[in-house]
Amino acid sequence: MTAAPQDVHAAGTGHTGRARQALEEAVARRAPIQLEEVIREAALQTRVDRKFLLTPEQFTAMVQKLGKDFRIMQIEGLRTFRYESVYFDTADFEQYRAHRQGRRRRYKVRSRTYVDTGLSMFEIKTKGLRGNTVKHRIEQDPADCGGSPNAACASWTR
């Protein structure tokens, strides 16, 4: 497997414009939920993912329809978070192609570092025939993020 760096998903990096403003306004108006409570109530390690592309106006309208029960995760005062991901794939990009071709059964392997907290995880995500996503993850040293996945995989076998 080879590593392919992924752009920083920068929910908290100086991006400007309507999308950033809509996000900031949405998270500012919601009650907080702490990470420990999120893990306790809804670990989300097995889930069905649905992703949508919205304009800032559509996003704002959707957030308004969620009601007051929708809370925003807050860690040490932060409500938006930055992360850096490195995806591992074969030399011929087998996993990327499986995703682009819409294969129902597929997997991805990545290292992800949450920039604001310093937490770094090695993750394997599988997607099954019914669309369920299952994430297996172990903590890793942030210095190992993007390196060979062999060390992280070896710790799973212990």
N, C-alpha and C. Protein backbone atom coordinates (compact mmCIF):
# COMPACT_ATOMS: atom_id res chain seq x y z
N MET A 1 0.84 -1.18 0.00
CA MET A 1 0.00 0.00 0.00
C MET A 1 0.88 1.23 0.00
N THR A 2 0.41 2.26 -0.66
CA THR A 2 1.13 3.53 -0.67
C THR A 2 0.26 4.59 -0.03
N ALA A 3 0.88 5.64 0.46
CA ALA A 3 0.16 6.72 1.12
C ALA A 3 -0.13 7.82 0.13
N ALA A 4 -1.34 8.34 0.20
CA ALA A 4 -1.74 9.47 -0.64
C ALA A 4 -2.24 10.58 0.27
N PRO A 5 -1.48 11.65 0.44
CA PRO A 5 -1.92 12.72 1.33
C PRO A 5 -3.25 13.31 0.86
N GLN A 6 -4.08 13.63 1.80
CA GLN A 6 -5.38 14.22 1.54
C GLN A 6 -5.34 15.67 1.97
N ASP A 7 -6.06 16.52 1.28
CA ASP A 7 -6.14 17.91 1.69
C ASP A 7 -6.64 18.00 3.12
N VAL A 8 -6.21 19.01 3.83
CA VAL A 8 -6.71 19.25 5.18
C VAL A 8 -8.18 19.61 5.06
N HIS A 9 -9.02 18.91 5.82
CA HIS A 9 -10.44 19.25 5.88
C HIS A 9 -10.52 20.37 6.90
N ALA A 10 -10.54 21.58 6.42
CA ALA A 10 -10.27 22.71 7.29
C ALA A 10 -11.54 23.43 7.70
N ALA A 11 -12.27 22.82 8.62
CA ALA A 11 -13.45 23.51 9.13
C ALA A 11 -13.05 24.68 9.99
N GLY A 12 -11.81 24.75 10.40
CA GLY A 12 -11.42 25.83 11.29
C GLY A 12 -10.23 26.62 10.81
N THR A 13 -9.90 26.62 9.56
CA THR A 13 -8.70 27.31 9.08
C THR A 13 -8.98 28.61 8.38
N GLY A 14 -9.31 29.63 8.64
CA GLY A 14 -9.35 30.88 7.93
C GLY A 14 -10.08 30.94 6.60
N HIS A 15 -10.82 29.93 6.18
CA HIS A 15 -11.60 30.05 4.94
C HIS A 15 -12.66 31.11 5.17
N THR A 16 -12.93 31.91 4.14
CA THR A 16 -13.92 32.97 4.27
C THR A 16 -15.10 32.68 3.38
N GLY A 17 -16.06 33.56 3.44
CA GLY A 17 -17.19 33.45 2.55
C GLY A 17 -18.46 33.01 3.26
N ARG A 18 -19.48 32.86 2.46
CA ARG A 18 -20.81 32.54 2.98
C ARG A 18 -20.87 31.18 3.66
N ALA A 19 -20.18 30.19 3.11
CA ALA A 19 -20.22 28.85 3.70
C ALA A 19 -19.63 28.85 5.09
N ARG A 20 -18.50 29.48 5.26
CA ARG A 20 -17.87 29.56 6.57
C ARG A 20 -18.75 30.31 7.56
N GLN A 21 -19.33 31.40 7.12
CA GLN A 21 -20.20 32.19 7.99
C GLN A 21 -21.43 31.37 8.41
N ALA A 22 -22.03 30.63 7.48
CA ALA A 22 -23.20 29.80 7.81
C ALA A 22 -22.83 28.74 8.84
N LEU A 23 -21.67 28.12 8.69
CA LEU A 23 -21.23 27.11 9.64
C LEU A 23 -21.00 27.72 11.02
N GLU A 24 -20.29 28.82 11.08
CA GLU A 24 -20.00 29.46 12.36
C GLU A 24 -21.28 29.89 13.07
N GLU A 25 -22.24 30.44 12.33
CA GLU A 25 -23.51 30.85 12.95
C GLU A 25 -24.28 29.64 13.46
N ALA A 26 -24.25 28.55 12.71
CA ALA A 26 -24.99 27.35 13.12
C ALA A 26 -24.43 26.77 14.40
N VAL A 27 -23.11 26.69 14.52
CA VAL A 27 -22.54 26.08 15.71
C VAL A 27 -22.60 27.00 16.92
N ALA A 28 -22.61 28.29 16.69
CA ALA A 28 -22.64 29.24 17.81
C ALA A 28 -23.98 29.22 18.54
N ARG A 29 -25.06 28.92 17.83
CA ARG A 29 -26.40 28.98 18.42
C ARG A 29 -26.86 27.69 19.08
N ARG A 30 -26.08 26.65 19.01
CA ARG A 30 -26.49 25.35 19.54
C ARG A 30 -25.90 25.07 20.90
N ALA A 31 -26.61 24.29 21.69
CA ALA A 31 -26.09 23.86 22.99
C ALA A 31 -24.92 22.92 22.75
N PRO A 32 -23.94 22.92 23.65
CA PRO A 32 -22.77 22.04 23.46
C PRO A 32 -23.03 20.63 23.96
N ILE A 33 -22.28 19.70 23.40
CA ILE A 33 -22.19 18.33 23.93
C ILE A 33 -20.71 18.00 24.00
N GLN A 34 -20.27 17.42 25.10
CA GLN A 34 -18.87 17.10 25.29
C GLN A 34 -18.53 15.77 24.60
N LEU A 35 -17.29 15.61 24.22
CA LEU A 35 -16.83 14.41 23.52
C LEU A 35 -17.18 13.15 24.29
N GLU A 36 -16.98 13.15 25.59
CA GLU A 36 -17.28 11.96 26.40
C GLU A 36 -18.74 11.55 26.28
N GLU A 37 -19.62 12.53 26.23
CA GLU A 37 -21.05 12.24 26.10
C GLU A 37 -21.38 11.71 24.70
N VAL A 38 -20.72 12.25 23.69
CA VAL A 38 -20.92 11.75 22.33
C VAL A 38 -20.53 10.28 22.27
N ILE A 39 -19.37 9.96 22.82
CA ILE A 39 -18.88 8.58 22.80
C ILE A 39 -19.83 7.67 23.57
N ARG A 40 -20.31 8.12 24.71
CA ARG A 40 -21.21 7.32 25.54
C ARG A 40 -22.56 7.09 24.85
N GLU A 41 -23.12 8.13 24.25
CA GLU A 41 -24.47 8.05 23.69
C GLU A 41 -24.52 7.50 22.27
N ALA A 42 -23.55 7.86 21.46
CA ALA A 42 -23.62 7.49 20.04
C ALA A 42 -22.22 7.42 19.47
N ALA A 43 -21.54 6.32 19.71
CA ALA A 43 -20.15 6.21 19.29
C ALA A 43 -19.99 6.29 17.77
N LEU A 44 -21.03 5.97 17.02
CA LEU A 44 -21.03 6.10 15.56
C LEU A 44 -19.93 5.30 14.88
N GLN A 45 -19.54 4.19 15.48
CA GLN A 45 -18.54 3.35 14.83
C GLN A 45 -19.19 2.49 13.74
N THR A 46 -20.49 2.19 13.88
CA THR A 46 -21.25 1.52 12.83
C THR A 46 -22.39 2.44 12.46
N ARG A 47 -22.49 2.78 11.21
CA ARG A 47 -23.49 3.76 10.81
C ARG A 47 -23.77 3.66 9.31
N VAL A 48 -24.78 4.38 8.88
CA VAL A 48 -25.07 4.56 7.46
C VAL A 48 -24.75 6.01 7.14
N ASP A 49 -23.86 6.24 6.18
CA ASP A 49 -23.46 7.59 5.82
C ASP A 49 -24.27 8.08 4.63
N ARG A 50 -24.69 9.32 4.72
CA ARG A 50 -25.29 10.01 3.59
C ARG A 50 -24.64 11.38 3.53
N LYS A 51 -24.11 11.73 2.39
CA LYS A 51 -23.44 13.02 2.24
C LYS A 51 -24.21 13.84 1.22
N PHE A 52 -24.30 15.13 1.50
CA PHE A 52 -25.05 16.03 0.64
C PHE A 52 -24.22 17.28 0.37
N LEU A 53 -24.35 17.81 -0.80
CA LEU A 53 -23.71 19.07 -1.17
C LEU A 53 -24.79 20.15 -1.12
N LEU A 54 -24.60 21.13 -0.24
CA LEU A 54 -25.58 22.18 -0.03
C LEU A 54 -24.98 23.55 -0.24
N THR A 55 -25.81 24.46 -0.67
CA THR A 55 -25.39 25.87 -0.68
C THR A 55 -25.43 26.36 0.76
N PRO A 56 -24.77 27.46 1.07
CA PRO A 56 -24.87 28.00 2.43
C PRO A 56 -26.31 28.28 2.85
N GLU A 57 -27.12 28.71 1.93
CA GLU A 57 -28.53 29.00 2.25
C GLU A 57 -29.30 27.71 2.55
N GLN A 58 -29.06 26.66 1.78
CA GLN A 58 -29.70 25.37 2.06
C GLN A 58 -29.25 24.81 3.40
N PHE A 59 -27.96 24.95 3.70
CA PHE A 59 -27.44 24.49 4.98
C PHE A 59 -28.11 25.22 6.13
N THR A 60 -28.22 26.54 6.04
CA THR A 60 -28.85 27.32 7.10
C THR A 60 -30.30 26.89 7.29
N ALA A 61 -31.03 26.68 6.21
CA ALA A 61 -32.43 26.25 6.30
C ALA A 61 -32.53 24.87 6.95
N MET A 62 -31.61 23.96 6.61
CA MET A 62 -31.61 22.62 7.20
C MET A 62 -31.35 22.69 8.70
N VAL A 63 -30.37 23.49 9.09
CA VAL A 63 -30.03 23.61 10.51
C VAL A 63 -31.22 24.15 11.30
N GLN A 64 -31.94 25.09 10.73
CA GLN A 64 -33.11 25.66 11.41
C GLN A 64 -34.20 24.61 11.61
N LYS A 65 -34.31 23.65 10.71
CA LYS A 65 -35.32 22.60 10.82
C LYS A 65 -34.95 21.51 11.82
N LEU A 66 -33.69 21.47 12.25
CA LEU A 66 -33.25 20.43 13.17
C LEU A 66 -33.84 20.58 14.57
N GLY A 67 -34.24 21.75 14.92
CA GLY A 67 -34.81 21.97 16.25
C GLY A 67 -33.73 22.15 17.30
N LYS A 68 -34.17 22.33 18.54
CA LYS A 68 -33.24 22.64 19.63
C LYS A 68 -32.52 21.42 20.18
N ASP A 69 -32.94 20.21 19.84
CA ASP A 69 -32.30 19.01 20.37
C ASP A 69 -30.95 18.72 19.72
N PHE A 70 -30.67 19.35 18.62
CA PHE A 70 -29.42 19.14 17.90
C PHE A 70 -28.32 19.92 18.59
N ARG A 71 -27.27 19.22 19.06
CA ARG A 71 -26.18 19.87 19.80
C ARG A 71 -24.88 19.80 19.02
N ILE A 72 -23.95 20.63 19.40
CA ILE A 72 -22.65 20.73 18.73
C ILE A 72 -21.56 20.25 19.67
N MET A 73 -20.72 19.33 19.18
CA MET A 73 -19.62 18.85 20.01
C MET A 73 -18.67 20.01 20.30
N GLN A 74 -18.28 20.09 21.56
CA GLN A 74 -17.36 21.13 21.99
C GLN A 74 -16.24 20.49 22.79
N ILE A 75 -15.00 20.79 22.38
CA ILE A 75 -13.82 20.28 23.08
C ILE A 75 -12.94 21.48 23.40
N GLU A 76 -12.70 21.67 24.69
CA GLU A 76 -11.85 22.77 25.15
C GLU A 76 -12.24 24.09 24.50
N GLY A 77 -13.54 24.35 24.43
CA GLY A 77 -14.04 25.61 23.90
C GLY A 77 -14.16 25.67 22.39
N LEU A 78 -13.66 24.68 21.67
CA LEU A 78 -13.73 24.68 20.20
C LEU A 78 -14.98 23.95 19.73
N ARG A 79 -15.58 24.46 18.66
CA ARG A 79 -16.76 23.84 18.07
C ARG A 79 -16.57 23.47 16.60
N THR A 80 -15.52 23.92 16.00
CA THR A 80 -15.13 23.46 14.67
C THR A 80 -13.70 22.95 14.79
N PHE A 81 -13.39 21.92 14.00
CA PHE A 81 -12.13 21.22 14.20
C PHE A 81 -11.45 20.97 12.86
N ARG A 82 -10.13 20.99 12.92
CA ARG A 82 -9.33 20.70 11.73
C ARG A 82 -8.77 19.29 11.84
N TYR A 83 -8.65 18.62 10.70
CA TYR A 83 -7.99 17.32 10.70
C TYR A 83 -7.23 17.12 9.40
N GLU A 84 -6.21 16.30 9.49
CA GLU A 84 -5.39 15.95 8.34
C GLU A 84 -5.46 14.44 8.16
N SER A 85 -5.69 14.02 6.93
CA SER A 85 -5.82 12.60 6.64
C SER A 85 -4.81 12.17 5.59
N VAL A 86 -4.31 10.97 5.76
CA VAL A 86 -3.47 10.32 4.75
C VAL A 86 -4.16 8.99 4.44
N TYR A 87 -4.54 8.80 3.17
CA TYR A 87 -5.21 7.58 2.75
C TYR A 87 -4.18 6.63 2.14
N PHE A 88 -4.32 5.36 2.43
CA PHE A 88 -3.44 4.33 1.89
C PHE A 88 -4.21 3.54 0.84
N ASP A 89 -3.54 3.27 -0.27
CA ASP A 89 -4.18 2.54 -1.37
C ASP A 89 -3.11 1.72 -2.07
N THR A 90 -3.53 0.89 -2.98
CA THR A 90 -2.59 0.10 -3.77
C THR A 90 -1.97 1.00 -4.84
N ALA A 91 -0.92 0.52 -5.47
CA ALA A 91 -0.23 1.30 -6.50
C ALA A 91 -1.16 1.66 -7.66
N ASP A 92 -2.16 0.82 -7.93
CA ASP A 92 -3.08 1.11 -9.03
C ASP A 92 -4.40 1.72 -8.53
N PHE A 93 -4.39 2.25 -7.30
CA PHE A 93 -5.54 2.98 -6.73
C PHE A 93 -6.82 2.14 -6.68
N GLU A 94 -6.70 0.91 -6.25
CA GLU A 94 -7.84 -0.02 -6.19
C GLU A 94 -9.00 0.53 -5.35
N GLN A 95 -8.68 1.07 -4.18
CA GLN A 95 -9.76 1.54 -3.31
C GLN A 95 -10.40 2.82 -3.82
N TYR A 96 -9.62 3.69 -4.38
CA TYR A 96 -10.17 4.91 -4.98
C TYR A 96 -11.11 4.53 -6.13
N ARG A 97 -10.67 3.62 -6.97
CA ARG A 97 -11.51 3.19 -8.09
C ARG A 97 -12.79 2.52 -7.61
N ALA A 98 -12.70 1.71 -6.56
CA ALA A 98 -13.90 1.05 -6.01
C ALA A 98 -14.92 2.08 -5.55
N HIS A 99 -14.43 3.14 -4.93
CA HIS A 99 -15.32 4.22 -4.49
C HIS A 99 -15.95 4.92 -5.69
N ARG A 100 -15.14 5.31 -6.66
CA ARG A 100 -15.64 6.04 -7.82
C ARG A 100 -16.60 5.20 -8.66
N GLN A 101 -16.40 3.87 -8.66
CA GLN A 101 -17.27 2.98 -9.43
C GLN A 101 -18.53 2.60 -8.65
N GLY A 102 -18.62 3.07 -7.41
CA GLY A 102 -19.82 2.81 -6.62
C GLY A 102 -19.94 1.39 -6.11
N ARG A 103 -18.84 0.69 -5.96
CA ARG A 103 -18.92 -0.68 -5.44
C ARG A 103 -19.50 -0.65 -4.04
N ARG A 104 -20.42 -1.54 -3.79
CA ARG A 104 -21.10 -1.55 -2.50
C ARG A 104 -20.20 -2.08 -1.39
N ARG A 105 -19.39 -3.07 -1.68
CA ARG A 105 -18.46 -3.61 -0.66
C ARG A 105 -17.07 -3.05 -0.95
N ARG A 106 -16.58 -2.26 -0.01
CA ARG A 106 -15.26 -1.69 -0.18
C ARG A 106 -14.70 -1.30 1.18
N TYR A 107 -13.46 -0.87 1.19
CA TYR A 107 -12.84 -0.44 2.44
C TYR A 107 -11.88 0.71 2.15
N LYS A 108 -11.51 1.42 3.21
CA LYS A 108 -10.46 2.43 3.10
C LYS A 108 -9.60 2.35 4.34
N VAL A 109 -8.34 2.67 4.16
CA VAL A 109 -7.37 2.66 5.24
C VAL A 109 -6.77 4.06 5.29
N ARG A 110 -6.75 4.63 6.48
CA ARG A 110 -6.20 5.99 6.60
C ARG A 110 -5.61 6.23 7.97
N SER A 111 -4.76 7.25 8.03
CA SER A 111 -4.30 7.84 9.27
C SER A 111 -4.95 9.21 9.34
N ARG A 112 -5.47 9.56 10.49
CA ARG A 112 -6.10 10.87 10.65
C ARG A 112 -5.59 11.50 11.93
N THR A 113 -5.15 12.75 11.82
CA THR A 113 -4.73 13.52 12.98
C THR A 113 -5.68 14.69 13.14
N TYR A 114 -6.23 14.81 14.34
CA TYR A 114 -7.10 15.92 14.68
C TYR A 114 -6.19 17.04 15.17
N VAL A 115 -6.01 18.04 14.33
CA VAL A 115 -5.00 19.07 14.53
C VAL A 115 -5.18 19.81 15.85
N ASP A 116 -6.39 20.14 16.21
CA ASP A 116 -6.64 20.96 17.39
C ASP A 116 -6.40 20.23 18.70
N THR A 117 -6.53 18.92 18.70
CA THR A 117 -6.35 18.16 19.94
C THR A 117 -5.06 17.34 19.95
N GLY A 118 -4.47 17.10 18.77
CA GLY A 118 -3.27 16.29 18.67
C GLY A 118 -3.54 14.79 18.65
N LEU A 119 -4.81 14.39 18.75
CA LEU A 119 -5.16 12.97 18.70
C LEU A 119 -4.92 12.45 17.28
N SER A 120 -4.31 11.29 17.18
CA SER A 120 -4.05 10.69 15.88
C SER A 120 -4.54 9.25 15.90
N MET A 121 -5.27 8.86 14.86
CA MET A 121 -5.88 7.54 14.79
C MET A 121 -5.50 6.86 13.47
N PHE A 122 -5.31 5.55 13.55
CA PHE A 122 -5.18 4.71 12.37
C PHE A 122 -6.52 4.02 12.21
N GLU A 123 -7.13 4.13 11.03
CA GLU A 123 -8.50 3.66 10.85
C GLU A 123 -8.63 2.76 9.61
N ILE A 124 -9.49 1.77 9.76
CA ILE A 124 -9.93 0.96 8.63
C ILE A 124 -11.44 1.04 8.63
N LYS A 125 -11.98 1.50 7.51
CA LYS A 125 -13.43 1.62 7.38
C LYS A 125 -13.89 0.64 6.31
N THR A 126 -14.92 -0.12 6.64
CA THR A 126 -15.49 -1.04 5.66
C THR A 126 -16.92 -0.62 5.37
N LYS A 127 -17.32 -0.86 4.14
CA LYS A 127 -18.70 -0.58 3.75
C LYS A 127 -19.28 -1.90 3.25
N GLY A 128 -20.41 -2.31 3.85
CA GLY A 128 -21.03 -3.58 3.50
C GLY A 128 -22.09 -3.47 2.44
N LEU A 129 -22.69 -4.60 2.11
CA LEU A 129 -23.70 -4.65 1.04
C LEU A 129 -24.92 -3.80 1.34
N ARG A 130 -25.28 -3.66 2.60
CA ARG A 130 -26.47 -2.87 2.95
C ARG A 130 -26.15 -1.39 3.17
N GLY A 131 -24.94 -0.99 2.87
CA GLY A 131 -24.56 0.41 2.99
C GLY A 131 -24.06 0.80 4.36
N ASN A 132 -23.99 -0.16 5.30
CA ASN A 132 -23.47 0.16 6.63
C ASN A 132 -21.97 0.38 6.57
N THR A 133 -21.52 1.39 7.29
CA THR A 133 -20.10 1.67 7.42
C THR A 133 -19.67 1.28 8.82
N VAL A 134 -18.60 0.50 8.90
CA VAL A 134 -18.04 0.10 10.20
C VAL A 134 -16.62 0.63 10.25
N LYS A 135 -16.32 1.37 11.32
CA LYS A 135 -14.98 1.94 11.47
C LYS A 135 -14.27 1.26 12.62
N HIS A 136 -13.06 0.76 12.33
CA HIS A 136 -12.18 0.20 13.35
C HIS A 136 -11.03 1.18 13.46
N ARG A 137 -10.69 1.56 14.70
CA ARG A 137 -9.64 2.55 14.85
C ARG A 137 -8.83 2.31 16.11
N ILE A 138 -7.55 2.67 16.01
CA ILE A 138 -6.67 2.62 17.17
C ILE A 138 -5.88 3.91 17.19
N GLU A 139 -5.54 4.33 18.40
CA GLU A 139 -4.74 5.54 18.55
C GLU A 139 -3.31 5.26 18.11
N GLN A 140 -2.69 6.27 17.51
CA GLN A 140 -1.30 6.15 17.09
C GLN A 140 -0.56 7.43 17.46
N ASP A 141 0.74 7.35 17.47
CA ASP A 141 1.57 8.52 17.70
C ASP A 141 1.40 9.45 16.50
N PRO A 142 1.10 10.74 16.72
CA PRO A 142 0.93 11.66 15.59
C PRO A 142 2.14 11.68 14.65
N ALA A 143 3.33 11.40 15.16
CA ALA A 143 4.52 11.36 14.31
C ALA A 143 4.45 10.23 13.30
N ASP A 144 3.63 9.20 13.56
CA ASP A 144 3.50 8.06 12.65
C ASP A 144 2.46 8.29 11.57
N CYS A 145 1.67 9.34 11.69
CA CYS A 145 0.61 9.59 10.71
C CYS A 145 1.22 9.78 9.33
N GLY A 146 0.75 9.00 8.38
CA GLY A 146 1.24 9.10 7.02
C GLY A 146 2.40 8.18 6.72
N GLY A 147 2.96 7.55 7.75
CA GLY A 147 4.03 6.60 7.52
C GLY A 147 3.47 5.25 7.13
N SER A 148 4.29 4.25 7.20
CA SER A 148 3.86 2.90 6.87
C SER A 148 2.76 2.45 7.83
N PRO A 149 1.70 1.84 7.31
CA PRO A 149 0.65 1.35 8.20
C PRO A 149 1.03 0.08 8.94
N ASN A 150 2.21 -0.46 8.70
CA ASN A 150 2.60 -1.74 9.29
C ASN A 150 2.60 -1.70 10.81
N ALA A 151 3.13 -0.64 11.42
CA ALA A 151 3.19 -0.57 12.89
C ALA A 151 1.80 -0.55 13.48
N ALA A 152 0.91 0.22 12.90
CA ALA A 152 -0.46 0.29 13.42
C ALA A 152 -1.16 -1.05 13.24
N CYS A 153 -0.99 -1.67 12.09
CA CYS A 153 -1.63 -2.98 11.86
C CYS A 153 -1.09 -4.02 12.81
N ALA A 154 0.20 -3.97 13.12
CA ALA A 154 0.80 -4.95 14.03
C ALA A 154 0.18 -4.86 15.41
N SER A 155 -0.18 -3.67 15.86
CA SER A 155 -0.76 -3.54 17.19
C SER A 155 -2.16 -4.15 17.27
N TRP A 156 -2.84 -4.30 16.13
CA TRP A 156 -4.15 -4.95 16.14
C TRP A 156 -4.03 -6.45 16.38
N THR A 157 -2.90 -7.02 16.05
CA THR A 157 -2.76 -8.47 16.18
C THR A 157 -2.32 -8.89 17.56
N ARG A 158 -1.99 -7.95 18.43
CA ARG A 158 -1.56 -8.28 19.79
C ARG A 158 -2.73 -8.59 20.67
